[in-house]
Amino acid sequence: MKQSLVARSLRPSLAHRVAVWIVLGVGAIWVLVPIVWLLYTAFKLPVDAFAFPPKIISPFTLGNFRTLVDNGYFTAVLHSVIVTTSSVVASLVLGLPAGYSLSRGSFRGKNLIGVFLLASYAAPAVIFIIPLYFIYTRLNVLDTYPSLVLAYLTGLLPFTIWLSRRFFDGLPIELEDAALTDGCGRAGVFLRIVLPLSMPAISTIGVLVGLLAWGEFFGALILTGPNTVTAPVSMGNFISYNTNNWSALAAAGVVVIVPVLVATVIAQRRLVSGLTAGAVRQ
């Protein structure tokens, strides 16, 4: 009887649940309204998109996406795909072994390295981009994929190492000890045991790194040219002193957002399990 009374007292009241749903509803509206407006503007006539006050009813048109094709915007999208894919692969290939070394290794300065990695990721991009611009200019490697990926790695690699280390810290070490006892080397333990167990975490890191690389603007604005210009930078071509094509800009934004939404939906289950993988240490 006493337990039932305690359980009943711990149940949220109707007013509490209503308040929670109201807060969640307001938050959802706050997030979704800009996205819905962007989608709606992408299919408006340019004259209606520029109208003030905003014109709610407008004829449906695909002309804005034809404008993207005519302006070579999808070439910039292809550049973004190449750079993002290369950045994710390089970050995982280099960052996961480094994160595992920091997690399982025992050496002097280990904690200092972790702090340095976190500070490197949190540092403003201008600290790295400006020196890299002068170095690339001297080496004549501006407007190339490798130079842009290397610039991205200055922030993405510390992020990958630091986050993967936290995930590896949460893995039970007994399985690794058993494999080492059976004669498996440290590299074999990492490839055959740690990586398969860490796939949800690795998927999470890959998605997060991909999102950061996909939407990066400042470094790409300085280090790219006609051969490597990315989609976020190319979007600026629709806004100038002489003309503002808001509907084409919205269409370009839709093209950038859709891959992000698709990747997030596909990886949603792994994202949830990956984000909680290191929450409890075994």
Protein backbone atom coordinates (compact mmCIF):
# COMPACT_ATOMS: atom_id res chain seq x y z
CA MET A 1 0.00 0.00 0.00
CA LYS A 2 2.79 2.35 0.96
CA GLN A 3 4.71 1.56 -2.23
CA SER A 4 1.65 2.25 -4.38
CA LEU A 5 1.20 5.61 -2.68
CA VAL A 6 4.84 6.49 -3.31
CA ALA A 7 4.60 5.41 -6.96
CA ARG A 8 1.43 7.44 -7.39
CA SER A 9 3.07 10.50 -5.86
CA LEU A 10 5.98 10.19 -8.28
CA ARG A 11 3.73 10.18 -11.34
CA PRO A 12 3.69 13.51 -13.16
CA SER A 13 0.46 15.42 -12.74
CA LEU A 14 -1.78 16.30 -15.66
CA ALA A 15 -0.75 19.95 -15.44
CA HIS A 16 2.92 18.95 -15.54
CA ARG A 17 2.42 16.79 -18.62
CA VAL A 18 0.44 19.50 -20.39
CA ALA A 19 3.18 22.02 -19.62
CA VAL A 20 5.81 19.66 -21.01
CA TRP A 21 3.84 19.13 -24.22
CA ILE A 22 3.35 22.88 -24.62
CA VAL A 23 7.07 23.53 -24.23
CA LEU A 24 7.93 20.74 -26.68
CA GLY A 25 5.35 22.02 -29.15
CA VAL A 26 6.68 25.57 -29.01
CA GLY A 27 10.22 24.25 -29.45
CA ALA A 28 9.19 22.15 -32.45
CA ILE A 29 7.44 25.11 -34.07
CA TRP A 30 10.48 27.31 -33.42
CA VAL A 31 12.71 24.78 -35.21
CA LEU A 32 10.37 23.76 -38.03
CA VAL A 33 8.98 27.14 -39.14
CA PRO A 34 12.28 28.35 -40.72
CA ILE A 35 12.71 25.02 -42.52
CA VAL A 36 9.14 25.05 -43.81
CA TRP A 37 9.52 28.66 -44.93
CA LEU A 38 12.76 27.80 -46.72
CA LEU A 39 11.07 24.92 -48.55
CA TYR A 40 8.10 27.12 -49.46
CA THR A 41 10.32 29.94 -50.74
CA ALA A 42 12.34 27.53 -52.87
CA PHE A 43 9.24 26.88 -54.99
CA LYS A 44 8.05 30.49 -55.18
CA LEU A 45 8.40 32.88 -58.09
CA PRO A 46 11.40 35.19 -57.52
CA VAL A 47 9.18 38.28 -57.55
CA ASP A 48 6.94 36.76 -54.86
CA ALA A 49 9.88 35.70 -52.72
CA PHE A 50 11.17 39.28 -52.73
CA ALA A 51 7.77 40.84 -52.00
CA PHE A 52 7.20 42.84 -48.83
CA PRO A 53 5.10 42.18 -46.91
CA PRO A 54 5.69 38.48 -47.62
CA LYS A 55 3.32 36.97 -50.16
CA ILE A 56 1.89 33.76 -48.75
CA ILE A 57 0.14 32.47 -51.89
CA SER A 58 2.41 32.06 -54.90
CA PRO A 59 2.36 29.87 -58.02
CA PHE A 60 4.39 26.67 -57.73
CA THR A 61 7.54 26.67 -59.88
CA LEU A 62 10.68 24.59 -60.43
CA GLY A 63 12.42 27.45 -62.17
CA ASN A 64 14.59 28.18 -59.13
CA PHE A 65 16.23 24.78 -59.40
CA ARG A 66 16.79 25.32 -63.12
CA THR A 67 18.55 28.54 -62.11
CA LEU A 68 20.85 26.45 -59.92
CA VAL A 69 21.69 24.23 -62.88
CA ASP A 70 22.33 27.21 -65.14
CA ASN A 71 24.67 28.76 -62.57
CA GLY A 72 26.69 25.57 -62.04
CA TYR A 73 25.60 25.19 -58.44
CA PHE A 74 25.45 21.39 -58.60
CA THR A 75 29.12 21.34 -59.55
CA ALA A 76 29.79 23.04 -56.23
CA VAL A 77 27.59 20.42 -54.54
CA LEU A 78 29.78 17.72 -56.12
CA HIS A 79 32.85 19.46 -54.71
CA SER A 80 31.23 19.45 -51.28
CA VAL A 81 30.51 15.73 -51.57
CA ILE A 82 34.13 14.98 -52.50
CA VAL A 83 35.60 17.14 -49.74
CA THR A 84 33.14 15.91 -47.09
CA THR A 85 33.68 12.24 -47.93
CA SER A 86 37.45 12.67 -47.95
CA SER A 87 37.37 14.54 -44.64
CA VAL A 88 35.25 11.87 -42.94
CA VAL A 89 37.45 9.02 -44.19
CA ALA A 90 40.67 10.80 -43.22
CA SER A 91 39.30 11.77 -39.80
CA LEU A 92 38.22 8.21 -39.00
CA VAL A 93 41.33 6.51 -40.38
CA LEU A 94 43.66 8.81 -38.46
CA GLY A 95 41.51 9.72 -35.48
CA LEU A 96 40.20 6.35 -34.30
CA PRO A 97 43.64 4.72 -33.73
CA ALA A 98 44.84 7.91 -32.04
CA GLY A 99 41.78 7.99 -29.79
CA TYR A 100 42.29 4.33 -28.88
CA SER A 101 45.94 5.00 -28.05
CA LEU A 102 44.95 7.82 -25.72
CA SER A 103 42.28 5.66 -24.11
CA ARG A 104 44.38 2.57 -23.47
CA GLY A 105 47.90 3.98 -23.44
CA SER A 106 49.77 4.95 -20.29
CA PHE A 107 52.39 7.63 -20.83
CA ARG A 108 53.43 10.98 -19.48
CA GLY A 109 51.47 13.97 -20.78
CA LYS A 110 48.40 11.93 -21.72
CA ASN A 111 45.92 14.29 -20.07
CA LEU A 112 47.74 17.31 -21.49
CA ILE A 113 47.31 15.93 -25.00
CA GLY A 114 43.58 15.55 -24.37
CA VAL A 115 43.31 19.16 -23.24
CA PHE A 116 45.31 20.29 -26.27
CA LEU A 117 42.99 18.41 -28.64
CA LEU A 118 39.90 19.95 -27.08
CA ALA A 119 41.47 23.43 -27.22
CA SER A 120 42.43 22.89 -30.87
CA TYR A 121 38.85 22.07 -31.78
CA ALA A 122 37.44 25.00 -29.78
CA ALA A 123 39.91 27.53 -31.20
CA PRO A 124 38.55 29.99 -33.81
CA ALA A 125 39.05 28.87 -37.39
CA VAL A 126 40.86 32.09 -38.30
CA ILE A 127 43.84 30.97 -36.19
CA PHE A 128 44.47 28.12 -38.64
CA ILE A 129 43.02 29.35 -41.92
CA ILE A 130 45.07 32.54 -42.34
CA PRO A 131 48.47 30.85 -41.81
CA LEU A 132 47.37 27.98 -44.04
CA TYR A 133 46.42 30.46 -46.76
CA PHE A 134 49.94 31.92 -46.83
CA ILE A 135 51.52 28.45 -46.71
CA TYR A 136 49.32 27.18 -49.54
CA THR A 137 50.08 30.29 -51.57
CA ARG A 138 53.82 29.68 -51.24
CA LEU A 139 53.40 26.01 -52.12
CA ASN A 140 50.98 26.81 -54.96
CA VAL A 141 48.38 24.32 -53.70
CA LEU A 142 45.41 26.65 -53.29
CA ASP A 143 42.15 25.53 -54.89
CA THR A 144 42.90 21.80 -54.55
CA TYR A 145 41.03 19.05 -52.75
CA PRO A 146 43.96 17.81 -50.60
CA SER A 147 44.70 21.30 -49.30
CA LEU A 148 41.07 21.90 -48.36
CA VAL A 149 40.74 18.51 -46.66
CA LEU A 150 43.95 19.15 -44.72
CA ALA A 151 42.56 22.49 -43.58
CA TYR A 152 39.35 20.82 -42.43
CA LEU A 153 41.34 18.22 -40.49
CA THR A 154 42.85 20.92 -38.27
CA GLY A 155 39.49 21.02 -36.52
CA LEU A 156 37.88 17.69 -37.40
CA LEU A 157 40.79 15.47 -36.39
CA PRO A 158 41.07 16.77 -32.80
CA PHE A 159 37.30 16.43 -32.50
CA THR A 160 37.42 12.83 -33.75
CA ILE A 161 40.30 11.86 -31.47
CA TRP A 162 38.77 13.43 -28.38
CA LEU A 163 35.29 12.01 -28.95
CA SER A 164 36.48 8.51 -29.91
CA ARG A 165 38.67 8.41 -26.82
CA ARG A 166 35.59 8.99 -24.66
CA PHE A 167 33.76 6.17 -26.42
CA PHE A 168 36.69 3.78 -26.05
CA ASP A 169 36.94 4.63 -22.34
CA GLY A 170 33.45 3.21 -21.91
CA LEU A 171 34.24 -0.19 -23.47
CA PRO A 172 34.87 -3.13 -21.12
CA ILE A 173 38.59 -3.85 -21.09
CA GLU A 174 38.15 -7.52 -20.09
CA LEU A 175 37.53 -8.61 -23.70
CA GLU A 176 40.75 -6.94 -24.81
CA ASP A 177 42.70 -8.51 -21.98
CA ALA A 178 41.36 -11.94 -22.92
CA ALA A 179 42.38 -11.45 -26.55
CA LEU A 180 45.85 -10.29 -25.53
CA THR A 181 46.20 -13.34 -23.29
CA ASP A 182 45.32 -15.58 -26.25
CA GLY A 183 48.16 -14.07 -28.25
CA CYS A 184 46.39 -11.40 -30.25
CA GLY A 185 48.44 -8.25 -30.73
CA ARG A 186 47.26 -4.78 -29.84
CA ALA A 187 46.56 -3.97 -33.50
CA GLY A 188 44.51 -7.15 -33.84
CA VAL A 189 42.54 -6.31 -30.71
CA PHE A 190 41.75 -2.89 -32.13
CA LEU A 191 40.68 -4.19 -35.55
CA ARG A 192 38.87 -7.38 -34.53
CA ILE A 193 37.31 -6.48 -31.18
CA VAL A 194 37.26 -2.76 -30.49
CA LEU A 195 36.09 -1.52 -33.88
CA PRO A 196 33.17 -4.00 -34.23
CA LEU A 197 32.01 -3.16 -30.70
CA SER A 198 32.29 0.55 -31.44
CA MET A 199 30.33 0.69 -34.70
CA PRO A 200 27.45 2.76 -33.22
CA ALA A 201 29.98 5.23 -31.83
CA ILE A 202 31.96 5.28 -35.08
CA SER A 203 28.77 5.92 -37.05
CA THR A 204 27.94 8.80 -34.72
CA ILE A 205 31.40 10.31 -35.09
CA GLY A 206 31.26 9.90 -38.87
CA VAL A 207 27.88 11.63 -39.11
CA LEU A 208 28.96 14.49 -36.85
CA VAL A 209 32.23 14.99 -38.73
CA GLY A 210 30.35 14.86 -42.03
CA LEU A 211 27.87 17.50 -40.88
CA LEU A 212 30.69 19.79 -39.76
CA ALA A 213 32.57 19.38 -43.05
CA TRP A 214 29.43 19.70 -45.18
CA GLY A 215 28.42 23.04 -43.70
CA GLU A 216 31.89 24.58 -43.32
CA PHE A 217 32.01 28.06 -44.85
CA PHE A 218 34.86 30.22 -43.58
CA GLY A 219 37.77 27.98 -44.56
CA ALA A 220 36.21 27.09 -47.90
CA LEU A 221 35.60 30.78 -48.66
CA ILE A 222 39.32 31.55 -48.31
CA LEU A 223 40.97 28.38 -49.59
CA THR A 224 38.78 27.40 -52.56
CA GLY A 225 38.56 28.66 -56.11
CA PRO A 226 36.69 27.76 -59.30
CA ASN A 227 37.97 24.17 -59.21
CA THR A 228 36.93 23.34 -55.62
CA VAL A 229 34.30 25.89 -54.54
CA THR A 230 31.85 24.21 -52.18
CA ALA A 231 28.07 24.54 -51.96
CA PRO A 232 27.95 26.87 -48.90
CA VAL A 233 30.33 29.29 -50.63
CA SER A 234 28.56 29.04 -53.97
CA MET A 235 25.27 30.05 -52.34
CA GLY A 236 26.64 33.56 -52.02
CA ASN A 237 26.49 33.97 -55.80
CA PHE A 238 22.74 34.53 -55.61
CA ILE A 239 23.12 37.59 -53.38
CA SER A 240 24.99 40.67 -54.57
CA TYR A 241 24.79 44.46 -54.62
CA ASN A 242 22.88 44.45 -57.88
CA THR A 243 20.47 41.53 -57.47
CA ASN A 244 18.98 39.38 -54.71
CA ASN A 245 17.46 36.13 -55.92
CA TRP A 246 15.93 34.94 -52.65
CA SER A 247 14.00 32.05 -54.21
CA ALA A 248 17.14 30.64 -55.90
CA LEU A 249 19.03 31.09 -52.63
CA ALA A 250 16.29 29.16 -50.83
CA ALA A 251 16.47 26.41 -53.45
CA ALA A 252 20.24 26.21 -52.92
CA GLY A 253 19.62 25.94 -49.19
CA VAL A 254 17.18 23.08 -49.75
CA VAL A 255 19.79 21.22 -51.81
CA VAL A 256 22.26 21.59 -48.92
CA ILE A 257 19.78 20.64 -46.20
CA VAL A 258 18.21 17.57 -47.83
CA PRO A 259 21.36 15.36 -47.66
CA VAL A 260 21.77 16.32 -44.00
CA LEU A 261 18.18 15.34 -43.20
CA VAL A 262 18.46 12.07 -45.14
CA ALA A 263 21.75 11.13 -43.44
CA THR A 264 20.33 11.96 -40.02
CA VAL A 265 17.18 9.90 -40.57
CA ILE A 266 19.15 6.90 -41.87
CA ALA A 267 21.64 7.04 -39.00
CA GLN A 268 19.12 8.00 -36.33
CA ARG A 269 19.12 4.67 -34.52
CA ARG A 270 22.91 4.43 -34.48
CA LEU A 271 23.16 8.08 -33.45
CA VAL A 272 21.05 7.50 -30.34
CA SER A 273 22.98 4.40 -29.28
CA GLY A 274 26.30 5.97 -30.22
CA LEU A 275 25.74 9.15 -28.23
CA THR A 276 25.06 7.06 -25.12
CA ALA A 277 27.76 4.45 -25.73
CA GLY A 278 30.27 6.13 -23.45
CA ALA A 279 27.82 7.38 -20.87
CA VAL A 280 28.29 4.46 -18.45
CA ARG A 281 31.69 2.97 -17.80
CA GLN A 282 31.61 -0.81 -17.49
